[in-house]
């Protein structure tokens, strides 16, 4: 299975297709280059269509996107992570975003790169004479990827341009304006419904990692939940519950390279440690491995500023014991913390360990009080002595974007918002709890659902956006400046800064674009 997954990752790395340029020079003396790739010369065959869709996946593995920098626009903004320093990497987290800052510009750019490549596929592939099933699958992937990127753009920036055709087909680029959030949500829903009908339930083993109908359904349910469309969201989640997706027996198996693309995973970013390096870009030869691990790793195991975990989060994990009166096993997978306690789980004994199989006391001493991240570091599998032992892209551990456990918890939330603490809501949340030996809830509140999401999904790019959609960013983060005490507190907050500033270079290029409120 590992060779199969690696095969798809290599294809993803090598077949990155750049956005095409069209030569519109009207001077007859300027002859076009016959070797230049243009839309009219490229989109001819089924093979071209396949290369095009792999190119649409490729920005996801860009170090400016999920390979690294996206984490500063998601996890680093929540109430769990307390990022060190006041660089442009932490500015978004303490509400002092510089519109000209690199992460803001870079992540926006990578997300729109994904959108434009999906638009190319959707515009060009229907005219290619090719196998209809293959064509449908490729178009389904393009619909999914466009929706996926717009979902991220909308939840980070809210007021964004909505492009649905290739840039070369827009007569006047300076006529582009920002769409309303409702318009963007409508396209996301439409794209995901199209993806549902066009995508296969699974791919051949040598193409594992490509979007499936199940991924489209899961994200459609998530998009509906984010809009408080609880009945519609519940209906979508129901379609994939009790079917081919299931929880892994061992929670930790969701965060190691050894168990990538497992039965619990609906969609994940295919990362690979292939020995390549390079900064930025997604061209062939650029590194496609995980670059965000140094930003989660404990102090002393990273050359980056890093972060610590706010005490309330560890306390939440420790407040409830398992049915065997032990620490929740998810705590060890998520955090590196000061404890000598152990938990017996899935035939093994869990303890607080980090790179080099070292205990907390060995690294920070028995009196240490700071808690650090542990999820995705994968040190036990890859044997790394620290997060950058093999360079920026030295870890190939996939980033899981949507797991079945998240689907169950979102279903429980949708059902609770509709009907309260019903048996079906309890069944969903208790299935997640049973996996880690916690006693079943006899009844639940919305706070119970929120707490379970924290314990199950911390460091999985969800917490800040949960707070945002629940309207709790001010309550949980702004009003608790100590959660950002490692950087600059939260005094820079102004209403509207729950969302990120529109990149300044975009405003400079298009006078129709308006900066977000608060900046």
Protein backbone atom coordinates (compact mmCIF):
# COMPACT_ATOMS: atom_id res chain seq x y z
CA UNK A 1 0.00 0.00 0.00
CA UNK A 2 2.86 2.38 0.79
CA UNK A 3 4.28 1.93 -2.74
CA UNK A 4 0.83 2.62 -4.20
CA UNK A 5 0.43 5.84 -2.25
CA UNK A 6 3.94 6.89 -3.19
CA UNK A 7 3.15 6.31 -6.86
CA UNK A 8 0.30 8.83 -6.79
CA UNK A 9 2.39 11.31 -4.85
CA UNK A 10 5.18 11.10 -7.41
CA UNK A 11 2.67 11.70 -10.20
CA UNK A 12 1.37 14.70 -8.26
CA UNK A 13 4.86 16.07 -7.89
CA UNK A 14 5.96 15.58 -11.49
CA UNK A 15 2.87 16.56 -13.43
CA UNK A 16 2.29 20.06 -12.02
CA UNK A 17 0.87 22.15 -14.86
CA UNK A 18 1.49 25.88 -14.79
CA UNK A 19 -1.25 28.36 -15.65
CA UNK A 20 -1.17 28.87 -19.37
CA UNK A 21 -0.22 32.17 -21.01
CA UNK A 22 -1.74 33.38 -24.25
CA UNK A 23 0.31 35.52 -26.64
CA UNK A 24 -1.99 38.30 -27.84
CA UNK A 25 0.61 40.43 -29.64
CA UNK A 26 -0.96 41.90 -32.79
CA UNK A 27 2.34 42.93 -34.38
CA UNK A 28 2.74 40.71 -37.44
CA UNK A 29 6.50 40.95 -37.14
CA UNK A 30 6.42 39.23 -33.74
CA UNK A 31 6.16 35.54 -34.52
CA UNK A 32 4.76 33.16 -31.91
CA UNK A 33 7.01 30.50 -30.45
CA UNK A 34 5.92 27.13 -31.92
CA UNK A 35 7.25 25.39 -28.81
CA UNK A 36 5.24 27.51 -26.34
CA UNK A 37 2.42 25.73 -24.53
CA UNK A 38 -0.93 27.51 -24.91
CA UNK A 39 -4.48 26.42 -24.13
CA UNK A 40 -5.18 25.80 -27.82
CA UNK A 41 -2.06 23.66 -28.25
CA UNK A 42 -2.29 21.72 -24.99
CA UNK A 43 -5.87 20.58 -24.36
CA UNK A 44 -6.06 17.95 -27.10
CA UNK A 45 -6.11 14.47 -25.63
CA UNK A 46 -7.21 12.35 -22.70
CA UNK A 47 -3.62 12.38 -21.49
CA UNK A 48 -3.66 16.18 -21.50
CA UNK A 49 -6.83 16.14 -19.41
CA UNK A 50 -5.21 13.78 -16.90
CA UNK A 51 -2.15 15.99 -16.64
CA UNK A 52 -4.35 19.04 -16.24
CA UNK A 53 -6.27 17.65 -13.27
CA UNK A 54 -3.09 16.48 -11.53
CA UNK A 55 -1.84 20.04 -12.01
CA UNK A 56 -4.97 21.27 -10.24
CA UNK A 57 -4.09 19.14 -7.19
CA UNK A 58 -0.49 20.28 -7.17
CA UNK A 59 -0.88 23.67 -5.37
CA UNK A 60 -2.13 21.79 -2.30
CA UNK A 61 1.40 20.49 -1.74
CA UNK A 62 3.03 23.88 -2.27
CA UNK A 63 5.02 24.99 0.79
CA UNK A 64 3.03 28.22 0.53
CA UNK A 65 -0.17 26.21 1.14
CA UNK A 66 -0.64 22.98 3.07
CA UNK A 67 2.96 21.89 3.00
CA UNK A 68 3.55 24.67 5.48
CA UNK A 69 2.20 28.21 5.49
CA UNK A 70 -1.53 27.51 5.75
CA UNK A 71 -1.08 26.48 9.39
CA UNK A 72 -0.49 30.14 10.34
CA UNK A 73 -3.91 31.02 8.94
CA UNK A 74 -5.71 28.16 10.70
CA UNK A 75 -4.32 26.35 13.76
CA UNK A 76 -2.09 29.25 14.85
CA UNK A 77 -5.18 31.48 15.08
CA UNK A 78 -7.15 29.31 17.51
CA UNK A 79 -7.32 29.32 21.31
CA UNK A 80 -5.17 26.19 21.72
CA UNK A 81 -1.94 27.39 20.11
CA UNK A 82 0.07 30.22 21.65
CA UNK A 83 2.61 31.03 18.93
CA UNK A 84 6.02 32.40 19.84
CA UNK A 85 7.27 35.71 18.43
CA UNK A 86 5.78 38.56 16.44
CA UNK A 87 6.86 37.69 12.93
CA UNK A 88 4.56 37.80 9.91
CA UNK A 89 3.81 34.14 10.67
CA UNK A 90 1.99 34.96 13.92
CA UNK A 91 0.48 38.33 13.00
CA UNK A 92 -2.81 36.85 11.86
CA UNK A 93 -3.15 34.98 15.16
CA UNK A 94 -3.02 38.17 17.25
CA UNK A 95 -5.23 40.21 14.88
CA UNK A 96 -2.50 42.50 13.57
CA UNK A 97 -2.29 41.29 9.99
CA UNK A 98 -0.09 43.26 7.63
CA UNK A 99 -1.94 43.18 4.27
CA UNK A 100 1.48 43.17 2.58
CA UNK A 101 2.74 40.30 4.74
CA UNK A 102 4.04 37.20 3.01
CA UNK A 103 1.83 34.44 4.49
CA UNK A 104 -1.33 36.41 3.67
CA UNK A 105 -0.20 36.93 0.10
CA UNK A 106 1.30 33.48 -0.39
CA UNK A 107 -1.61 31.39 0.86
CA UNK A 108 -4.15 33.51 -1.06
CA UNK A 109 -2.03 33.05 -4.18
CA UNK A 110 -1.79 29.26 -3.76
CA UNK A 111 -5.52 28.90 -3.14
CA UNK A 112 -6.39 30.93 -6.23
CA UNK A 113 -3.83 28.95 -8.20
CA UNK A 114 -5.91 25.88 -7.33
CA UNK A 115 -9.09 27.69 -8.40
CA UNK A 116 -7.68 28.83 -11.74
CA UNK A 117 -6.34 25.40 -12.62
CA UNK A 118 -9.69 23.81 -11.78
CA UNK A 119 -11.36 26.45 -13.98
CA UNK A 120 -9.05 25.51 -16.85
CA UNK A 121 -10.08 21.87 -16.54
CA UNK A 122 -13.78 22.67 -16.33
CA UNK A 123 -13.55 24.98 -19.36
CA UNK A 124 -11.28 22.90 -21.63
CA UNK A 125 -11.91 19.21 -20.88
CA UNK A 126 -15.58 19.05 -22.05
CA UNK A 127 -14.36 19.68 -25.63
CA UNK A 128 -11.80 16.86 -25.60
CA UNK A 129 -12.75 13.64 -27.41
CA UNK A 130 -12.06 11.01 -24.75
CA UNK A 131 -13.58 8.20 -22.70
CA UNK A 132 -16.74 9.59 -21.12
CA UNK A 133 -16.28 7.96 -17.71
CA UNK A 134 -12.73 9.29 -17.47
CA UNK A 135 -13.94 12.72 -18.52
CA UNK A 136 -16.71 12.71 -15.92
CA UNK A 137 -14.29 11.71 -13.17
CA UNK A 138 -11.82 14.46 -14.10
CA UNK A 139 -14.57 17.08 -14.23
CA UNK A 140 -15.80 15.85 -10.84
CA UNK A 141 -12.32 16.32 -9.41
CA UNK A 142 -12.15 19.85 -10.82
CA UNK A 143 -15.52 20.73 -9.28
CA UNK A 144 -14.33 19.32 -5.94
CA UNK A 145 -11.01 21.17 -6.00
CA UNK A 146 -12.60 24.47 -6.94
CA UNK A 147 -15.11 24.11 -4.10
CA UNK A 148 -12.37 23.04 -1.68
CA UNK A 149 -10.26 26.12 -2.42
CA UNK A 150 -13.23 28.50 -2.38
CA UNK A 151 -14.30 27.03 0.98
CA UNK A 152 -10.86 27.95 2.35
CA UNK A 153 -10.79 31.38 0.74
CA UNK A 154 -14.27 32.24 1.98
CA UNK A 155 -13.65 31.19 5.57
CA UNK A 156 -10.33 33.02 5.74
CA UNK A 157 -11.11 36.22 3.82
CA UNK A 158 -14.92 36.23 3.44
CA UNK A 159 -15.04 38.96 0.75
CA UNK A 160 -13.38 37.41 -2.26
CA UNK A 161 -13.54 37.53 -6.07
CA UNK A 162 -15.47 34.62 -7.58
CA UNK A 163 -13.80 33.38 -10.77
CA UNK A 164 -15.55 30.64 -12.72
CA UNK A 165 -13.71 30.70 -16.06
CA UNK A 166 -10.02 30.78 -17.01
CA UNK A 167 -8.42 34.16 -16.52
CA UNK A 168 -7.67 34.32 -20.25
CA UNK A 169 -11.44 34.27 -20.91
CA UNK A 170 -12.15 37.36 -18.81
CA UNK A 171 -12.34 40.31 -21.19
CA UNK A 172 -11.58 42.97 -18.60
CA UNK A 173 -9.73 41.67 -15.51
CA UNK A 174 -10.11 45.07 -13.88
CA UNK A 175 -13.88 44.54 -13.90
CA UNK A 176 -13.56 41.78 -11.31
CA UNK A 177 -15.28 42.59 -8.03
CA UNK A 178 -15.78 40.75 -4.75
CA UNK A 179 -18.76 38.42 -4.54
CA UNK A 180 -21.10 38.21 -1.59
CA UNK A 181 -20.49 35.27 0.76
CA UNK A 182 -23.88 33.90 -0.27
CA UNK A 183 -22.77 33.77 -3.91
CA UNK A 184 -19.60 31.91 -2.99
CA UNK A 185 -21.48 29.44 -0.80
CA UNK A 186 -23.88 28.80 -3.68
CA UNK A 187 -21.02 27.92 -6.03
CA UNK A 188 -19.41 25.70 -3.40
CA UNK A 189 -22.66 23.79 -2.96
CA UNK A 190 -23.22 23.52 -6.71
CA UNK A 191 -19.65 22.31 -7.32
CA UNK A 192 -19.82 19.69 -4.58
CA UNK A 193 -23.15 18.37 -5.83
CA UNK A 194 -21.64 18.07 -9.32
CA UNK A 195 -18.62 16.31 -7.82
CA UNK A 196 -20.92 13.89 -5.98
CA UNK A 197 -22.49 12.75 -9.22
CA UNK A 198 -19.30 12.65 -11.30
CA UNK A 199 -16.72 11.20 -8.94
CA UNK A 200 -16.20 7.47 -8.27
CA UNK A 201 -16.64 5.96 -4.82
CA UNK A 202 -13.02 4.82 -5.00
CA UNK A 203 -10.03 4.88 -7.33
CA UNK A 204 -7.70 2.12 -8.51
CA UNK A 205 -5.03 1.34 -5.94
CA UNK A 206 -2.34 3.18 -7.91
CA UNK A 207 -4.38 6.41 -7.79
CA UNK A 208 -5.25 6.46 -4.10
CA UNK A 209 -5.58 9.99 -2.78
CA UNK A 210 -7.73 11.47 -5.54
CA UNK A 211 -11.05 12.99 -4.50
CA UNK A 212 -14.02 10.61 -4.25
CA UNK A 213 -17.79 10.94 -4.12
CA UNK A 214 -17.53 10.38 -0.36
CA UNK A 215 -15.16 13.32 0.01
CA UNK A 216 -17.54 15.53 -1.96
CA UNK A 217 -20.46 14.43 0.22
CA UNK A 218 -18.52 15.06 3.43
CA UNK A 219 -17.50 18.54 2.34
CA UNK A 220 -20.99 19.33 1.12
CA UNK A 221 -22.32 18.46 4.56
CA UNK A 222 -19.61 20.60 6.13
CA UNK A 223 -20.41 23.56 3.86
CA UNK A 224 -24.09 23.28 4.76
CA UNK A 225 -23.33 23.03 8.49
CA UNK A 226 -21.18 26.17 8.27
CA UNK A 227 -24.26 27.97 6.91
CA UNK A 228 -26.49 26.61 9.70
CA UNK A 229 -28.43 24.52 7.19
CA UNK A 230 -28.71 21.74 9.74
CA UNK A 231 -31.34 19.52 8.09
CA UNK A 232 -29.53 19.56 4.75
CA UNK A 233 -26.17 18.96 6.40
CA UNK A 234 -27.53 16.04 8.41
CA UNK A 235 -28.94 14.48 5.24
CA UNK A 236 -25.55 14.64 3.52
CA UNK A 237 -23.65 13.20 6.48
CA UNK A 238 -26.19 10.39 6.70
CA UNK A 239 -25.27 9.28 3.19
CA UNK A 240 -21.78 8.28 4.26
CA UNK A 241 -22.50 6.98 7.76
CA UNK A 242 -22.60 3.25 8.29
CA UNK A 243 -21.02 2.60 4.90
CA UNK A 244 -17.46 2.11 3.72
CA UNK A 245 -15.96 4.69 6.08
CA UNK A 246 -15.20 3.65 9.63
CA UNK A 247 -13.14 4.72 12.60
CA UNK A 248 -9.68 3.23 12.87
CA UNK A 249 -9.36 1.06 15.98
CA UNK A 250 -6.31 3.05 17.07
CA UNK A 251 -6.75 6.83 17.14
CA UNK A 252 -3.02 7.43 16.62
CA UNK A 253 -3.09 5.63 13.27
CA UNK A 254 -4.69 8.70 11.73
CA UNK A 255 -1.51 10.76 12.08
CA UNK A 256 1.32 8.59 10.87
CA UNK A 257 2.74 7.94 7.43
CA UNK A 258 2.33 4.22 8.02
CA UNK A 259 -1.47 4.42 7.94
CA UNK A 260 -2.17 7.08 5.32
CA UNK A 261 -5.38 7.00 3.24
CA UNK A 262 -7.00 4.63 5.71
CA UNK A 263 -10.65 3.67 6.19
CA UNK A 264 -11.33 6.76 8.31
CA UNK A 265 -9.98 9.26 5.79
CA UNK A 266 -12.29 11.05 3.35
CA UNK A 267 -9.64 13.38 1.95
CA UNK A 268 -6.03 14.15 2.73
CA UNK A 269 -3.16 16.12 1.24
CA UNK A 270 -0.69 13.69 -0.37
CA UNK A 271 2.73 14.62 0.96
CA UNK A 272 5.96 12.78 0.21
CA UNK A 273 9.55 12.96 1.42
CA UNK A 274 11.23 12.31 -1.92
CA UNK A 275 14.51 14.07 -1.21
CA UNK A 276 13.54 17.22 -3.08
CA UNK A 277 13.89 20.64 -1.51
CA UNK A 278 13.14 24.08 -2.84
CA UNK A 279 11.09 26.99 -1.59
CA UNK A 280 7.71 27.99 -2.91
CA UNK A 281 6.18 26.86 -6.15
CA UNK A 282 4.83 23.47 -7.08
CA UNK A 283 6.93 22.72 -10.14
CA UNK A 284 8.58 19.33 -10.73
CA UNK A 285 11.61 18.89 -8.49
CA UNK A 286 10.20 21.00 -5.68
CA UNK A 287 9.76 19.39 -2.29
CA UNK A 288 6.33 17.90 -1.63
CA UNK A 289 6.89 16.79 1.95
CA UNK A 290 5.53 18.16 5.19
CA UNK A 291 7.00 21.53 6.10
CA UNK A 292 4.57 22.36 8.90
CA UNK A 293 5.90 19.84 11.42
CA UNK A 294 8.57 22.29 12.68
CA UNK A 295 5.73 24.66 13.61
CA UNK A 296 4.12 22.02 15.86
CA UNK A 297 7.27 20.42 17.25
CA UNK A 298 8.37 21.01 20.86
CA UNK A 299 11.02 23.61 21.65
CA UNK A 300 14.47 22.21 21.04
CA UNK A 301 13.27 20.06 18.15
CA UNK A 302 12.72 22.88 15.67
CA UNK A 303 14.68 25.87 14.41
CA UNK A 304 11.43 27.82 13.96
CA UNK A 305 9.81 30.10 16.53
CA UNK A 306 7.27 27.39 17.33
CA UNK A 307 4.50 27.51 19.89
CA UNK A 308 3.19 26.22 23.19
CA UNK A 309 -0.22 24.87 24.12
CA UNK A 310 -2.51 26.93 26.35
CA UNK A 311 -3.08 25.24 29.70
CA UNK A 312 -6.88 25.16 29.41
CA UNK A 313 -6.64 22.79 26.44
CA UNK A 314 -4.51 20.23 28.29
CA UNK A 315 -6.80 20.55 31.31
CA UNK A 316 -9.82 19.74 29.13
CA UNK A 317 -8.15 16.54 27.93
CA UNK A 318 -7.21 15.56 31.49
CA UNK A 319 -10.52 16.43 33.14
CA UNK A 320 -12.22 13.22 31.97
CA UNK A 321 -10.75 9.77 32.58
CA UNK A 322 -11.33 6.63 30.55
CA UNK A 323 -13.47 3.74 31.75
CA UNK A 324 -10.21 2.31 33.15
CA UNK A 325 -9.51 5.57 35.04
CA UNK A 326 -6.65 6.50 32.75
CA UNK A 327 -5.76 9.56 30.65
CA UNK A 328 -7.65 9.89 27.35
CA UNK A 329 -5.29 8.23 24.81
CA UNK A 330 -5.81 11.13 22.41
CA UNK A 331 -3.85 13.33 24.82
CA UNK A 332 -0.59 11.50 24.09
CA UNK A 333 -1.11 11.70 20.32
CA UNK A 334 -1.92 15.40 20.48
CA UNK A 335 0.38 16.88 23.14
CA UNK A 336 3.85 16.47 24.64
CA UNK A 337 3.22 17.25 28.30
CA UNK A 338 4.65 16.70 31.75
CA UNK A 339 3.28 13.46 33.12
CA UNK A 340 4.61 10.12 34.24
CA UNK A 341 1.19 8.50 33.93
CA UNK A 342 0.54 5.90 31.27
CA UNK A 343 -2.57 4.64 29.50
CA UNK A 344 -3.09 1.09 28.29
CA UNK A 345 -4.64 1.29 24.84
CA UNK A 346 -4.96 -1.01 21.84
CA UNK A 347 -2.51 -3.56 23.17
CA UNK A 348 0.16 -1.01 24.07
CA UNK A 349 1.15 1.37 26.83
CA UNK A 350 1.05 5.07 25.99
CA UNK A 351 3.26 7.66 27.67
CA UNK A 352 4.30 11.21 26.93
CA UNK A 353 7.16 10.94 24.42
CA UNK A 354 8.77 13.04 21.70
CA UNK A 355 11.57 12.81 19.13
CA UNK A 356 14.18 10.23 20.04
CA UNK A 357 11.61 8.45 22.22
CA UNK A 358 12.44 10.87 25.02
CA UNK A 359 10.26 11.55 28.03
CA UNK A 360 9.21 15.03 29.07
CA UNK A 361 11.50 14.90 32.10
CA UNK A 362 14.47 13.93 29.94
CA UNK A 363 13.90 16.93 27.68
CA UNK A 364 12.61 19.70 29.97
CA UNK A 365 13.13 18.41 33.50
CA UNK A 366 10.68 17.20 36.11
CA UNK A 367 9.58 20.74 37.00
CA UNK A 368 8.67 21.73 33.42
CA UNK A 369 5.18 23.15 32.93
CA UNK A 370 4.97 24.02 29.23
CA UNK A 371 2.93 21.80 26.93
CA UNK A 372 3.84 21.37 23.25
CA UNK A 373 2.41 19.75 20.16
CA UNK A 374 2.87 16.09 19.21
CA UNK A 375 0.28 15.33 16.52
CA UNK A 376 1.71 14.70 13.03
CA UNK A 377 5.32 14.73 14.27
CA UNK A 378 5.36 10.98 13.49
CA UNK A 379 8.73 10.51 15.18
CA UNK A 380 8.01 6.91 16.17
CA UNK A 381 7.50 5.90 12.54
CA UNK A 382 10.17 7.83 10.68
CA UNK A 383 12.84 7.82 13.38
CA UNK A 384 13.64 11.51 13.04
CA UNK A 385 15.70 13.06 15.83
CA UNK A 386 14.03 16.46 15.32
CA UNK A 387 11.53 18.05 12.98
CA UNK A 388 14.06 19.24 10.39
CA UNK A 389 16.45 16.29 10.52
CA UNK A 390 15.90 15.63 6.81
CA UNK A 391 15.31 19.24 5.75
CA UNK A 392 12.14 21.23 5.10
CA UNK A 393 10.38 18.46 3.23
CA UNK A 394 11.92 15.57 5.12
CA UNK A 395 8.66 14.09 6.39
CA UNK A 396 6.10 12.48 4.10
CA UNK A 397 3.22 12.20 6.55
CA UNK A 398 -0.05 13.13 4.81
CA UNK A 399 -2.19 15.93 6.23
CA UNK A 400 -5.69 14.59 6.92
CA UNK A 401 -8.29 17.15 5.90
CA UNK A 402 -11.54 15.32 6.66
CA UNK A 403 -11.92 12.23 8.80
CA UNK A 404 -14.97 10.08 9.51
CA UNK A 405 -14.74 11.05 13.20
CA UNK A 406 -15.31 14.67 12.14
CA UNK A 407 -18.33 13.58 10.06
CA UNK A 408 -19.83 11.83 13.10
CA UNK A 409 -19.33 14.90 15.30
CA UNK A 410 -20.73 17.26 12.68
CA UNK A 411 -23.74 14.96 12.27
CA UNK A 412 -24.25 14.99 16.06
CA UNK A 413 -24.10 18.79 16.01
CA UNK A 414 -26.59 19.12 13.16
CA UNK A 415 -28.99 16.69 14.84
CA UNK A 416 -28.61 18.46 18.19
CA UNK A 417 -29.35 21.85 16.66
CA UNK A 418 -32.48 20.40 15.06
CA UNK A 419 -33.84 18.12 17.76
CA UNK A 420 -31.71 18.33 20.89
CA UNK A 421 -30.08 15.44 22.69
CA UNK A 422 -31.66 12.61 20.71
CA UNK A 423 -30.51 9.02 20.57
CA UNK A 424 -29.11 9.40 17.06
CA UNK A 425 -27.02 12.39 18.17
CA UNK A 426 -25.80 10.38 21.16
CA UNK A 427 -24.97 7.37 18.99
CA UNK A 428 -22.77 9.50 16.73
CA UNK A 429 -20.77 11.23 19.45
CA UNK A 430 -20.52 8.07 21.55
CA UNK A 431 -19.04 6.16 18.61
CA UNK A 432 -16.15 8.64 18.67
CA UNK A 433 -15.81 8.36 22.44
CA UNK A 434 -15.97 4.57 22.51
CA UNK A 435 -12.90 4.37 20.24
CA UNK A 436 -10.81 5.97 23.00
CA UNK A 437 -12.42 4.13 25.94
CA UNK A 438 -14.52 7.02 27.25
CA UNK A 439 -17.87 6.32 28.87
CA UNK A 440 -20.90 7.05 26.66
CA UNK A 441 -22.87 10.22 27.21
CA UNK A 442 -26.43 9.69 28.46
CA UNK A 443 -27.34 13.17 27.23
CA UNK A 444 -25.40 15.99 25.61
CA UNK A 445 -25.26 19.75 25.38
CA UNK A 446 -23.70 21.86 22.65
CA UNK A 447 -20.73 22.34 24.99
CA UNK A 448 -20.24 18.57 25.08
CA UNK A 449 -20.03 18.53 21.29
CA UNK A 450 -17.59 21.44 21.29
CA UNK A 451 -15.40 19.73 23.90
CA UNK A 452 -15.36 16.48 21.95
CA UNK A 453 -14.33 18.32 18.80
CA UNK A 454 -11.39 19.86 20.67
CA UNK A 455 -10.20 16.50 22.00
CA UNK A 456 -10.67 14.69 18.71
CA UNK A 457 -9.56 17.35 16.19
CA UNK A 458 -6.98 19.68 17.76
CA UNK A 459 -4.22 20.60 15.25
CA UNK A 460 -6.41 19.46 12.34
CA UNK A 461 -7.20 22.92 10.90
CA UNK A 462 -10.74 23.04 12.35
CA UNK A 463 -10.82 24.77 15.74
CA UNK A 464 -10.52 28.42 14.65
CA UNK A 465 -13.18 27.97 11.99
CA UNK A 466 -15.47 26.29 14.52
CA UNK A 467 -15.12 29.36 16.75
CA UNK A 468 -15.71 31.61 13.76
CA UNK A 469 -18.92 29.92 12.65
CA UNK A 470 -20.19 29.75 16.24
CA UNK A 471 -19.51 33.49 16.70
CA UNK A 472 -17.07 32.82 19.55
CA UNK A 473 -13.82 34.36 18.31
CA UNK A 474 -14.15 37.44 20.53
CA UNK A 475 -15.36 35.48 23.54
CA UNK A 476 -12.70 32.77 23.36
CA UNK A 477 -9.65 34.55 21.93
CA UNK A 478 -9.97 38.35 21.98
CA UNK A 479 -11.20 38.36 25.58
CA UNK A 480 -8.45 35.96 26.67
CA UNK A 481 -5.31 37.83 25.66
CA UNK A 482 -3.17 35.41 27.66
CA UNK A 483 -3.90 32.81 24.98
CA UNK A 484 -1.59 34.87 22.74
CA UNK A 485 0.85 35.92 25.46
CA UNK A 486 3.85 34.42 23.62
CA UNK A 487 3.38 37.00 20.88
CA UNK A 488 1.50 40.28 21.33
CA UNK A 489 -1.76 39.54 23.09
CA UNK A 490 -5.01 40.54 21.39
CA UNK A 491 -5.13 44.33 21.84
CA UNK A 492 -4.81 44.85 18.07
CA UNK A 493 -8.26 43.38 17.50
CA UNK A 494 -10.89 45.50 15.79
CA UNK A 495 -14.34 44.33 14.67
CA UNK A 496 -13.95 42.54 11.38
CA UNK A 497 -10.49 41.17 12.09
CA UNK A 498 -11.92 37.73 12.64
CA UNK A 499 -11.18 37.55 8.92
CA UNK A 500 -7.82 38.19 7.27
CA UNK A 501 -6.87 41.35 5.40
CA UNK A 502 -7.15 41.20 1.61
CA UNK A 503 -3.55 41.07 0.28
CA UNK A 504 -2.31 44.55 -0.55
CA UNK A 505 -0.94 43.55 -3.94
CA UNK A 506 -4.46 42.49 -4.99
CA UNK A 507 -5.86 45.87 -3.96
CA UNK A 508 -3.06 47.66 -5.79
CA UNK A 509 -3.74 45.77 -9.02
CA UNK A 510 -7.52 46.07 -8.99
CA UNK A 511 -9.14 49.28 -7.67
CA UNK A 512 -12.53 47.53 -7.55
CA UNK A 513 -11.45 45.36 -4.62
CA UNK A 514 -12.24 46.67 -1.14
CA UNK A 515 -10.22 45.93 2.00
CA UNK A 516 -11.98 43.93 4.69
CA UNK A 517 -13.48 45.79 7.68
CA UNK A 518 -11.10 46.51 10.54
CA UNK A 519 -7.99 47.11 8.43
